[in-house]
Amino acid sequence: AVAPGFIAAEVAIGAAKMAMDAVYDSTVGLVTHVTEAGSALYDLSLKTGASVEGLSKLKYISGQTGIEMGSFTTSMFMLQRNLGATGEAGEKVRQSVKNIGLDFADLRRQSPDQALIAVSAALGHVGDNAKIAHESTQLIGRGARTMAGLFHEGNALA
C-alpha cells in the first residue's frame, strides 16, 4: 500500500506542474503579443515617419479615450500636409499655429507624432471651445472633430 503522504505529495507535484505550465503558456502568450504589437508600431512608424515611442504613446491614449488609432494617423498626415501648405492656405495654418502659442518653424521640424502631440497639448490650453474648434480644423482638417475630446480635456497628450 502507498502511504497517504506519498499520494498527497504526488497530487501537490501535479498541481505545481499544472501551475508552472499555465505560467509558461501565459508568458509565451504575453511575449508573442508584445512582439506583435511592437512590430505593428514599427511598421506604422515606417509608413508615417512617426517614432515608435510616439506611436506607442498615441496607442495608449487611443485605448484610454476610445479614439481609433487610425484617427491619430490620419490627423498626423493632415497636420503634416497642412504645415507644408503654401499661399493663402499656408498663411492660415501659420496663423493658427501662432494663435495656439506654437512656433511654426519648430513645429515643422518635429516628427509627425511630436507635432500632433504638441498641437494637441497647445489646443488643450486654449480654453475657448470655439477657438479650439477653429484652430484644430485649420491645422488638422475635418478629422479634428474626431479628436475634439482630446483638445478639450487639455494636455491629454502632453
N, C-alpha and C. Protein backbone atom coordinates (compact mmCIF):
# COMPACT_ATOMS: atom_id res chain seq x y z
N ALA A 1 0.83 -1.18 0.00
CA ALA A 1 0.00 0.00 0.00
C ALA A 1 0.88 1.25 0.00
N VAL A 2 0.39 2.26 -0.67
CA VAL A 2 1.12 3.52 -0.77
C VAL A 2 0.73 4.40 0.40
N ALA A 3 1.70 4.97 1.03
CA ALA A 3 1.45 5.82 2.19
C ALA A 3 0.68 7.07 1.77
N PRO A 4 -0.26 7.56 2.61
CA PRO A 4 -1.04 8.75 2.28
C PRO A 4 -0.16 9.98 2.00
N GLY A 5 1.00 10.06 2.62
CA GLY A 5 1.89 11.19 2.40
C GLY A 5 2.41 11.23 0.97
N PHE A 6 2.67 10.04 0.42
CA PHE A 6 3.14 9.98 -0.97
C PHE A 6 2.05 10.41 -1.95
N ILE A 7 0.83 10.03 -1.68
CA ILE A 7 -0.30 10.41 -2.54
C ILE A 7 -0.48 11.93 -2.50
N ALA A 8 -0.42 12.50 -1.30
CA ALA A 8 -0.57 13.95 -1.16
C ALA A 8 0.56 14.68 -1.88
N ALA A 9 1.78 14.13 -1.77
CA ALA A 9 2.93 14.75 -2.45
C ALA A 9 2.76 14.67 -3.96
N GLU A 10 2.27 13.53 -4.43
CA GLU A 10 2.06 13.35 -5.87
C GLU A 10 1.01 14.33 -6.39
N VAL A 11 -0.05 14.54 -5.65
CA VAL A 11 -1.10 15.49 -6.02
C VAL A 11 -0.53 16.91 -6.03
N ALA A 12 0.26 17.25 -5.01
CA ALA A 12 0.85 18.59 -4.93
C ALA A 12 1.81 18.84 -6.09
N ILE A 13 2.61 17.83 -6.42
CA ILE A 13 3.55 17.97 -7.55
C ILE A 13 2.78 18.14 -8.85
N GLY A 14 1.70 17.39 -9.03
CA GLY A 14 0.87 17.52 -10.23
C GLY A 14 0.26 18.91 -10.33
N ALA A 15 -0.23 19.45 -9.21
CA ALA A 15 -0.81 20.80 -9.21
C ALA A 15 0.26 21.84 -9.50
N ALA A 16 1.44 21.67 -8.93
CA ALA A 16 2.54 22.62 -9.18
C ALA A 16 2.94 22.60 -10.65
N LYS A 17 2.98 21.40 -11.23
CA LYS A 17 3.33 21.30 -12.66
C LYS A 17 2.28 22.00 -13.51
N MET A 18 1.01 21.80 -13.18
CA MET A 18 -0.05 22.47 -13.94
C MET A 18 0.07 23.99 -13.82
N ALA A 19 0.39 24.47 -12.62
CA ALA A 19 0.55 25.92 -12.42
C ALA A 19 1.74 26.45 -13.21
N MET A 20 2.85 25.69 -13.20
CA MET A 20 4.03 26.12 -13.96
C MET A 20 3.75 26.11 -15.45
N ASP A 21 3.02 25.13 -15.93
CA ASP A 21 2.63 25.08 -17.34
C ASP A 21 1.77 26.30 -17.70
N ALA A 22 0.86 26.66 -16.82
CA ALA A 22 -0.01 27.82 -17.07
C ALA A 22 0.81 29.11 -17.10
N VAL A 23 1.76 29.25 -16.17
CA VAL A 23 2.64 30.43 -16.16
C VAL A 23 3.46 30.49 -17.45
N TYR A 24 4.01 29.36 -17.86
CA TYR A 24 4.80 29.29 -19.09
C TYR A 24 3.95 29.70 -20.29
N ASP A 25 2.76 29.12 -20.41
CA ASP A 25 1.87 29.43 -21.53
C ASP A 25 1.50 30.92 -21.53
N SER A 26 1.23 31.48 -20.36
CA SER A 26 0.88 32.90 -20.26
C SER A 26 2.05 33.78 -20.66
N THR A 27 3.24 33.39 -20.21
CA THR A 27 4.44 34.17 -20.54
C THR A 27 4.70 34.14 -22.04
N VAL A 28 4.59 32.98 -22.64
CA VAL A 28 4.79 32.87 -24.09
C VAL A 28 3.75 33.71 -24.83
N GLY A 29 2.51 33.64 -24.36
CA GLY A 29 1.45 34.44 -24.99
C GLY A 29 1.71 35.92 -24.86
N LEU A 30 2.15 36.35 -23.68
CA LEU A 30 2.45 37.77 -23.46
C LEU A 30 3.60 38.23 -24.34
N VAL A 31 4.67 37.46 -24.39
CA VAL A 31 5.83 37.82 -25.22
C VAL A 31 5.41 37.89 -26.69
N THR A 32 4.61 36.94 -27.13
CA THR A 32 4.13 36.95 -28.52
C THR A 32 3.30 38.20 -28.79
N HIS A 33 2.39 38.53 -27.87
CA HIS A 33 1.53 39.71 -28.04
C HIS A 33 2.37 40.99 -28.07
N VAL A 34 3.31 41.13 -27.15
CA VAL A 34 4.15 42.33 -27.09
C VAL A 34 5.00 42.44 -28.35
N THR A 35 5.53 41.33 -28.82
CA THR A 35 6.35 41.33 -30.04
C THR A 35 5.51 41.75 -31.25
N GLU A 36 4.30 41.21 -31.35
CA GLU A 36 3.42 41.57 -32.47
C GLU A 36 3.02 43.04 -32.40
N ALA A 37 2.71 43.54 -31.20
CA ALA A 37 2.33 44.95 -31.04
C ALA A 37 3.50 45.85 -31.40
N GLY A 38 4.70 45.49 -30.93
CA GLY A 38 5.88 46.27 -31.26
C GLY A 38 6.16 46.27 -32.75
N SER A 39 5.97 45.14 -33.38
CA SER A 39 6.19 45.02 -34.82
C SER A 39 5.19 45.89 -35.58
N ALA A 40 3.93 45.88 -35.13
CA ALA A 40 2.90 46.70 -35.79
C ALA A 40 3.24 48.18 -35.65
N LEU A 41 3.71 48.60 -34.47
CA LEU A 41 4.09 50.01 -34.27
C LEU A 41 5.30 50.37 -35.12
N TYR A 42 6.25 49.44 -35.24
CA TYR A 42 7.42 49.68 -36.09
C TYR A 42 7.01 49.86 -37.55
N ASP A 43 6.13 48.98 -38.02
CA ASP A 43 5.62 49.09 -39.40
C ASP A 43 4.91 50.42 -39.61
N LEU A 44 4.08 50.82 -38.64
CA LEU A 44 3.36 52.09 -38.73
C LEU A 44 4.34 53.26 -38.71
N SER A 45 5.40 53.12 -37.94
CA SER A 45 6.44 54.15 -37.89
C SER A 45 7.07 54.34 -39.26
N LEU A 46 7.35 53.24 -39.93
CA LEU A 46 7.94 53.32 -41.28
C LEU A 46 6.99 54.00 -42.26
N LYS A 47 5.69 53.75 -42.11
CA LYS A 47 4.69 54.31 -43.03
C LYS A 47 4.43 55.79 -42.77
N THR A 48 4.50 56.21 -41.50
CA THR A 48 4.08 57.57 -41.14
C THR A 48 5.23 58.53 -40.88
N GLY A 49 6.42 58.00 -40.63
CA GLY A 49 7.53 58.86 -40.25
C GLY A 49 7.52 59.22 -38.77
N ALA A 50 6.55 58.69 -38.04
CA ALA A 50 6.45 58.94 -36.61
C ALA A 50 7.37 57.98 -35.87
N SER A 51 7.79 58.36 -34.66
CA SER A 51 8.64 57.48 -33.86
C SER A 51 7.80 56.36 -33.25
N VAL A 52 8.42 55.22 -33.00
CA VAL A 52 7.73 54.11 -32.35
C VAL A 52 7.29 54.55 -30.95
N GLU A 53 8.15 55.31 -30.27
CA GLU A 53 7.80 55.79 -28.92
C GLU A 53 6.56 56.69 -28.97
N GLY A 54 6.51 57.61 -29.92
CA GLY A 54 5.35 58.50 -30.05
C GLY A 54 4.10 57.72 -30.41
N LEU A 55 4.24 56.75 -31.31
CA LEU A 55 3.09 55.94 -31.70
C LEU A 55 2.60 55.10 -30.52
N SER A 56 3.53 54.64 -29.71
CA SER A 56 3.15 53.89 -28.52
C SER A 56 2.34 54.76 -27.57
N LYS A 57 2.75 56.00 -27.42
CA LYS A 57 2.01 56.94 -26.57
C LYS A 57 0.61 57.18 -27.15
N LEU A 58 0.55 57.37 -28.46
CA LEU A 58 -0.75 57.59 -29.11
C LEU A 58 -1.63 56.35 -28.99
N LYS A 59 -1.03 55.16 -29.09
CA LYS A 59 -1.80 53.92 -28.95
C LYS A 59 -2.39 53.82 -27.55
N TYR A 60 -1.61 54.20 -26.54
CA TYR A 60 -2.10 54.18 -25.17
C TYR A 60 -3.28 55.16 -25.02
N ILE A 61 -3.10 56.38 -25.53
CA ILE A 61 -4.16 57.39 -25.45
C ILE A 61 -5.39 56.90 -26.21
N SER A 62 -5.16 56.24 -27.34
CA SER A 62 -6.26 55.68 -28.13
C SER A 62 -7.08 54.71 -27.28
N GLY A 63 -6.39 53.84 -26.56
CA GLY A 63 -7.09 52.88 -25.72
C GLY A 63 -7.84 53.53 -24.56
N GLN A 64 -7.31 54.63 -24.06
CA GLN A 64 -7.93 55.31 -22.92
C GLN A 64 -9.13 56.16 -23.34
N THR A 65 -9.08 56.72 -24.55
CA THR A 65 -10.11 57.66 -24.98
C THR A 65 -11.15 57.06 -25.91
N GLY A 66 -10.84 55.92 -26.50
CA GLY A 66 -11.75 55.33 -27.46
C GLY A 66 -11.60 55.92 -28.86
N ILE A 67 -10.66 56.84 -29.03
CA ILE A 67 -10.37 57.39 -30.36
C ILE A 67 -9.53 56.37 -31.09
N GLU A 68 -9.98 55.96 -32.27
CA GLU A 68 -9.28 54.92 -33.01
C GLU A 68 -7.90 55.38 -33.44
N MET A 69 -6.96 54.45 -33.45
CA MET A 69 -5.59 54.75 -33.84
C MET A 69 -5.54 55.34 -35.25
N GLY A 70 -6.43 54.91 -36.11
CA GLY A 70 -6.49 55.46 -37.47
C GLY A 70 -6.77 56.95 -37.48
N SER A 71 -7.53 57.43 -36.51
CA SER A 71 -7.80 58.86 -36.41
C SER A 71 -6.52 59.63 -36.09
N PHE A 72 -5.68 59.03 -35.24
CA PHE A 72 -4.41 59.67 -34.91
C PHE A 72 -3.50 59.73 -36.14
N THR A 73 -3.41 58.61 -36.87
CA THR A 73 -2.51 58.61 -38.03
C THR A 73 -3.03 59.53 -39.12
N THR A 74 -4.35 59.57 -39.32
CA THR A 74 -4.92 60.50 -40.30
C THR A 74 -4.66 61.93 -39.88
N SER A 75 -4.81 62.22 -38.60
CA SER A 75 -4.56 63.58 -38.11
C SER A 75 -3.09 63.97 -38.28
N MET A 76 -2.17 63.01 -38.05
CA MET A 76 -0.75 63.30 -38.27
C MET A 76 -0.50 63.65 -39.74
N PHE A 77 -1.09 62.85 -40.63
CA PHE A 77 -0.92 63.10 -42.06
C PHE A 77 -1.47 64.47 -42.45
N MET A 78 -2.67 64.78 -42.01
CA MET A 78 -3.30 66.05 -42.36
C MET A 78 -2.51 67.24 -41.79
N LEU A 79 -2.04 67.10 -40.57
CA LEU A 79 -1.24 68.16 -39.97
C LEU A 79 0.03 68.39 -40.78
N GLN A 80 0.71 67.32 -41.14
CA GLN A 80 1.94 67.46 -41.93
C GLN A 80 1.64 68.09 -43.29
N ARG A 81 0.56 67.65 -43.91
CA ARG A 81 0.17 68.22 -45.20
C ARG A 81 -0.11 69.71 -45.06
N ASN A 82 -0.86 70.08 -44.03
CA ASN A 82 -1.22 71.48 -43.84
C ASN A 82 -0.02 72.33 -43.45
N LEU A 83 0.91 71.77 -42.70
CA LEU A 83 2.12 72.53 -42.36
C LEU A 83 2.97 72.81 -43.59
N GLY A 84 2.79 72.01 -44.63
CA GLY A 84 3.52 72.22 -45.88
C GLY A 84 2.77 73.06 -46.90
N ALA A 85 1.58 73.52 -46.53
CA ALA A 85 0.76 74.31 -47.47
C ALA A 85 1.43 75.65 -47.76
N THR A 86 1.15 76.16 -48.94
CA THR A 86 1.69 77.46 -49.36
C THR A 86 0.53 78.40 -49.68
N GLY A 87 0.88 79.63 -49.98
CA GLY A 87 -0.13 80.61 -50.36
C GLY A 87 -1.06 80.95 -49.21
N GLU A 88 -2.31 81.25 -49.57
CA GLU A 88 -3.30 81.65 -48.57
C GLU A 88 -3.56 80.55 -47.55
N ALA A 89 -3.64 79.30 -48.02
CA ALA A 89 -3.86 78.18 -47.11
C ALA A 89 -2.71 78.06 -46.12
N GLY A 90 -1.50 78.20 -46.60
CA GLY A 90 -0.33 78.14 -45.73
C GLY A 90 -0.32 79.25 -44.71
N GLU A 91 -0.75 80.43 -45.13
CA GLU A 91 -0.80 81.56 -44.20
C GLU A 91 -1.82 81.32 -43.10
N LYS A 92 -2.96 80.72 -43.43
CA LYS A 92 -3.97 80.40 -42.42
C LYS A 92 -3.41 79.41 -41.40
N VAL A 93 -2.66 78.43 -41.88
CA VAL A 93 -2.06 77.44 -40.99
C VAL A 93 -1.02 78.10 -40.09
N ARG A 94 -0.17 78.94 -40.67
CA ARG A 94 0.84 79.63 -39.86
C ARG A 94 0.18 80.49 -38.79
N GLN A 95 -0.92 81.14 -39.13
CA GLN A 95 -1.63 81.97 -38.16
C GLN A 95 -2.25 81.12 -37.05
N SER A 96 -2.80 79.97 -37.41
CA SER A 96 -3.38 79.08 -36.40
C SER A 96 -2.32 78.56 -35.44
N VAL A 97 -1.15 78.23 -35.99
CA VAL A 97 -0.05 77.77 -35.14
C VAL A 97 0.32 78.87 -34.15
N LYS A 98 0.41 80.07 -34.64
CA LYS A 98 0.73 81.22 -33.78
C LYS A 98 -0.38 81.44 -32.74
N ASN A 99 -1.64 81.31 -33.17
CA ASN A 99 -2.78 81.53 -32.28
C ASN A 99 -2.82 80.57 -31.09
N ILE A 100 -2.25 79.38 -31.26
CA ILE A 100 -2.25 78.42 -30.15
C ILE A 100 -0.92 78.44 -29.38
N GLY A 101 -0.07 79.40 -29.74
CA GLY A 101 1.15 79.62 -28.96
C GLY A 101 2.35 78.77 -29.35
N LEU A 102 2.35 78.23 -30.56
CA LEU A 102 3.49 77.44 -31.01
C LEU A 102 4.29 78.18 -32.07
N ASP A 103 5.52 77.76 -32.26
CA ASP A 103 6.38 78.34 -33.28
C ASP A 103 6.28 77.47 -34.54
N PHE A 104 5.94 78.09 -35.66
CA PHE A 104 5.72 77.36 -36.91
C PHE A 104 6.97 76.59 -37.35
N ALA A 105 8.12 77.23 -37.33
CA ALA A 105 9.36 76.57 -37.78
C ALA A 105 9.69 75.37 -36.89
N ASP A 106 9.53 75.53 -35.59
CA ASP A 106 9.78 74.43 -34.66
C ASP A 106 8.83 73.26 -34.94
N LEU A 107 7.57 73.59 -35.15
CA LEU A 107 6.56 72.55 -35.40
C LEU A 107 6.87 71.77 -36.67
N ARG A 108 7.31 72.47 -37.69
CA ARG A 108 7.63 71.81 -38.97
C ARG A 108 8.83 70.88 -38.86
N ARG A 109 9.74 71.17 -37.93
CA ARG A 109 10.93 70.34 -37.75
C ARG A 109 10.63 69.06 -36.97
N GLN A 110 9.52 69.03 -36.29
CA GLN A 110 9.19 67.86 -35.45
C GLN A 110 8.69 66.70 -36.29
N SER A 111 8.86 65.49 -35.74
CA SER A 111 8.30 64.31 -36.41
C SER A 111 6.78 64.42 -36.36
N PRO A 112 6.08 63.70 -37.22
CA PRO A 112 4.61 63.80 -37.26
C PRO A 112 3.93 63.57 -35.91
N ASP A 113 4.39 62.57 -35.16
CA ASP A 113 3.79 62.30 -33.86
C ASP A 113 4.07 63.42 -32.87
N GLN A 114 5.30 63.93 -32.86
CA GLN A 114 5.65 65.02 -31.95
C GLN A 114 4.85 66.27 -32.28
N ALA A 115 4.67 66.54 -33.57
CA ALA A 115 3.90 67.72 -33.97
C ALA A 115 2.44 67.59 -33.52
N LEU A 116 1.85 66.41 -33.72
CA LEU A 116 0.46 66.21 -33.30
C LEU A 116 0.32 66.34 -31.78
N ILE A 117 1.27 65.78 -31.05
CA ILE A 117 1.25 65.87 -29.59
C ILE A 117 1.38 67.33 -29.16
N ALA A 118 2.28 68.08 -29.80
CA ALA A 118 2.47 69.49 -29.45
C ALA A 118 1.21 70.31 -29.74
N VAL A 119 0.61 70.09 -30.90
CA VAL A 119 -0.62 70.80 -31.26
C VAL A 119 -1.75 70.45 -30.29
N SER A 120 -1.89 69.17 -29.98
CA SER A 120 -2.96 68.74 -29.07
C SER A 120 -2.79 69.35 -27.69
N ALA A 121 -1.55 69.36 -27.20
CA ALA A 121 -1.28 69.95 -25.88
C ALA A 121 -1.58 71.45 -25.90
N ALA A 122 -1.16 72.13 -26.97
CA ALA A 122 -1.40 73.58 -27.06
C ALA A 122 -2.89 73.88 -27.15
N LEU A 123 -3.61 73.09 -27.92
CA LEU A 123 -5.07 73.29 -28.03
C LEU A 123 -5.74 73.06 -26.67
N GLY A 124 -5.20 72.15 -25.88
CA GLY A 124 -5.75 71.89 -24.55
C GLY A 124 -5.64 73.07 -23.62
N HIS A 125 -4.75 74.02 -23.94
CA HIS A 125 -4.57 75.21 -23.11
C HIS A 125 -5.36 76.42 -23.61
N VAL A 126 -5.99 76.29 -24.76
CA VAL A 126 -6.70 77.43 -25.36
C VAL A 126 -7.89 77.84 -24.50
N GLY A 127 -8.70 76.87 -24.07
CA GLY A 127 -9.80 77.17 -23.18
C GLY A 127 -11.11 77.56 -23.84
N ASP A 128 -11.08 78.28 -24.92
CA ASP A 128 -12.28 78.74 -25.62
C ASP A 128 -12.68 77.68 -26.65
N ASN A 129 -13.84 77.05 -26.46
CA ASN A 129 -14.27 75.95 -27.34
C ASN A 129 -14.36 76.35 -28.80
N ALA A 130 -14.85 77.55 -29.08
CA ALA A 130 -14.97 77.99 -30.47
C ALA A 130 -13.59 78.15 -31.10
N LYS A 131 -12.65 78.68 -30.33
CA LYS A 131 -11.29 78.87 -30.84
C LYS A 131 -10.61 77.51 -31.05
N ILE A 132 -10.84 76.59 -30.12
CA ILE A 132 -10.28 75.24 -30.28
C ILE A 132 -10.80 74.62 -31.57
N ALA A 133 -12.10 74.71 -31.79
CA ALA A 133 -12.71 74.13 -33.00
C ALA A 133 -12.13 74.76 -34.26
N HIS A 134 -12.00 76.08 -34.26
CA HIS A 134 -11.49 76.78 -35.45
C HIS A 134 -10.03 76.40 -35.72
N GLU A 135 -9.19 76.53 -34.69
CA GLU A 135 -7.75 76.30 -34.89
C GLU A 135 -7.46 74.83 -35.20
N SER A 136 -8.15 73.92 -34.53
CA SER A 136 -7.89 72.50 -34.80
C SER A 136 -8.33 72.13 -36.22
N THR A 137 -9.40 72.73 -36.70
CA THR A 137 -9.84 72.46 -38.07
C THR A 137 -8.86 73.04 -39.08
N GLN A 138 -8.31 74.21 -38.79
CA GLN A 138 -7.31 74.80 -39.69
C GLN A 138 -6.08 73.91 -39.78
N LEU A 139 -5.71 73.31 -38.65
CA LEU A 139 -4.47 72.54 -38.60
C LEU A 139 -4.63 71.07 -39.02
N ILE A 140 -5.76 70.47 -38.65
CA ILE A 140 -5.93 69.03 -38.86
C ILE A 140 -7.01 68.72 -39.89
N GLY A 141 -7.88 69.68 -40.15
CA GLY A 141 -8.96 69.44 -41.10
C GLY A 141 -10.20 68.90 -40.40
N ARG A 142 -11.09 68.32 -41.19
CA ARG A 142 -12.36 67.83 -40.64
C ARG A 142 -12.19 66.75 -39.59
N GLY A 143 -11.08 66.03 -39.66
CA GLY A 143 -10.82 64.99 -38.67
C GLY A 143 -10.65 65.52 -37.26
N ALA A 144 -10.51 66.83 -37.14
CA ALA A 144 -10.38 67.44 -35.81
C ALA A 144 -11.62 67.16 -34.97
N ARG A 145 -12.76 66.97 -35.63
CA ARG A 145 -13.99 66.65 -34.87
C ARG A 145 -13.83 65.35 -34.10
N THR A 146 -13.20 64.37 -34.72
CA THR A 146 -12.98 63.08 -34.07
C THR A 146 -12.05 63.22 -32.86
N MET A 147 -11.11 64.14 -32.97
CA MET A 147 -10.10 64.31 -31.92
C MET A 147 -10.51 65.36 -30.88
N ALA A 148 -11.63 66.01 -31.07
CA ALA A 148 -12.02 67.16 -30.25
C ALA A 148 -12.01 66.87 -28.76
N GLY A 149 -12.42 65.69 -28.36
CA GLY A 149 -12.43 65.35 -26.95
C GLY A 149 -11.06 65.48 -26.31
N LEU A 150 -10.04 65.16 -27.06
CA LEU A 150 -8.67 65.29 -26.56
C LEU A 150 -8.31 66.74 -26.28
N PHE A 151 -8.68 67.60 -27.19
CA PHE A 151 -8.31 69.01 -27.07
C PHE A 151 -9.00 69.67 -25.89
N HIS A 152 -10.21 69.23 -25.60
CA HIS A 152 -10.97 69.83 -24.52
C HIS A 152 -10.57 69.26 -23.15
N GLU A 153 -9.96 68.08 -23.14
CA GLU A 153 -9.51 67.52 -21.87
C GLU A 153 -8.24 68.20 -21.42
N GLY A 154 -7.58 68.91 -22.31
CA GLY A 154 -6.35 69.60 -22.00
C GLY A 154 -5.22 68.62 -21.73
N ASN A 155 -4.13 68.83 -22.35
CA ASN A 155 -2.87 68.12 -22.13
C ASN A 155 -2.93 66.61 -22.06
N ALA A 156 -3.93 65.98 -22.63
CA ALA A 156 -4.00 64.52 -22.61
C ALA A 156 -2.79 63.90 -23.30
N LEU A 157 -2.20 64.60 -24.24
CA LEU A 157 -1.05 64.07 -24.95
C LEU A 157 0.27 64.69 -24.51
N ALA A 158 0.24 65.64 -23.62
CA ALA A 158 1.48 66.30 -23.22
C ALA A 158 2.26 65.46 -22.24
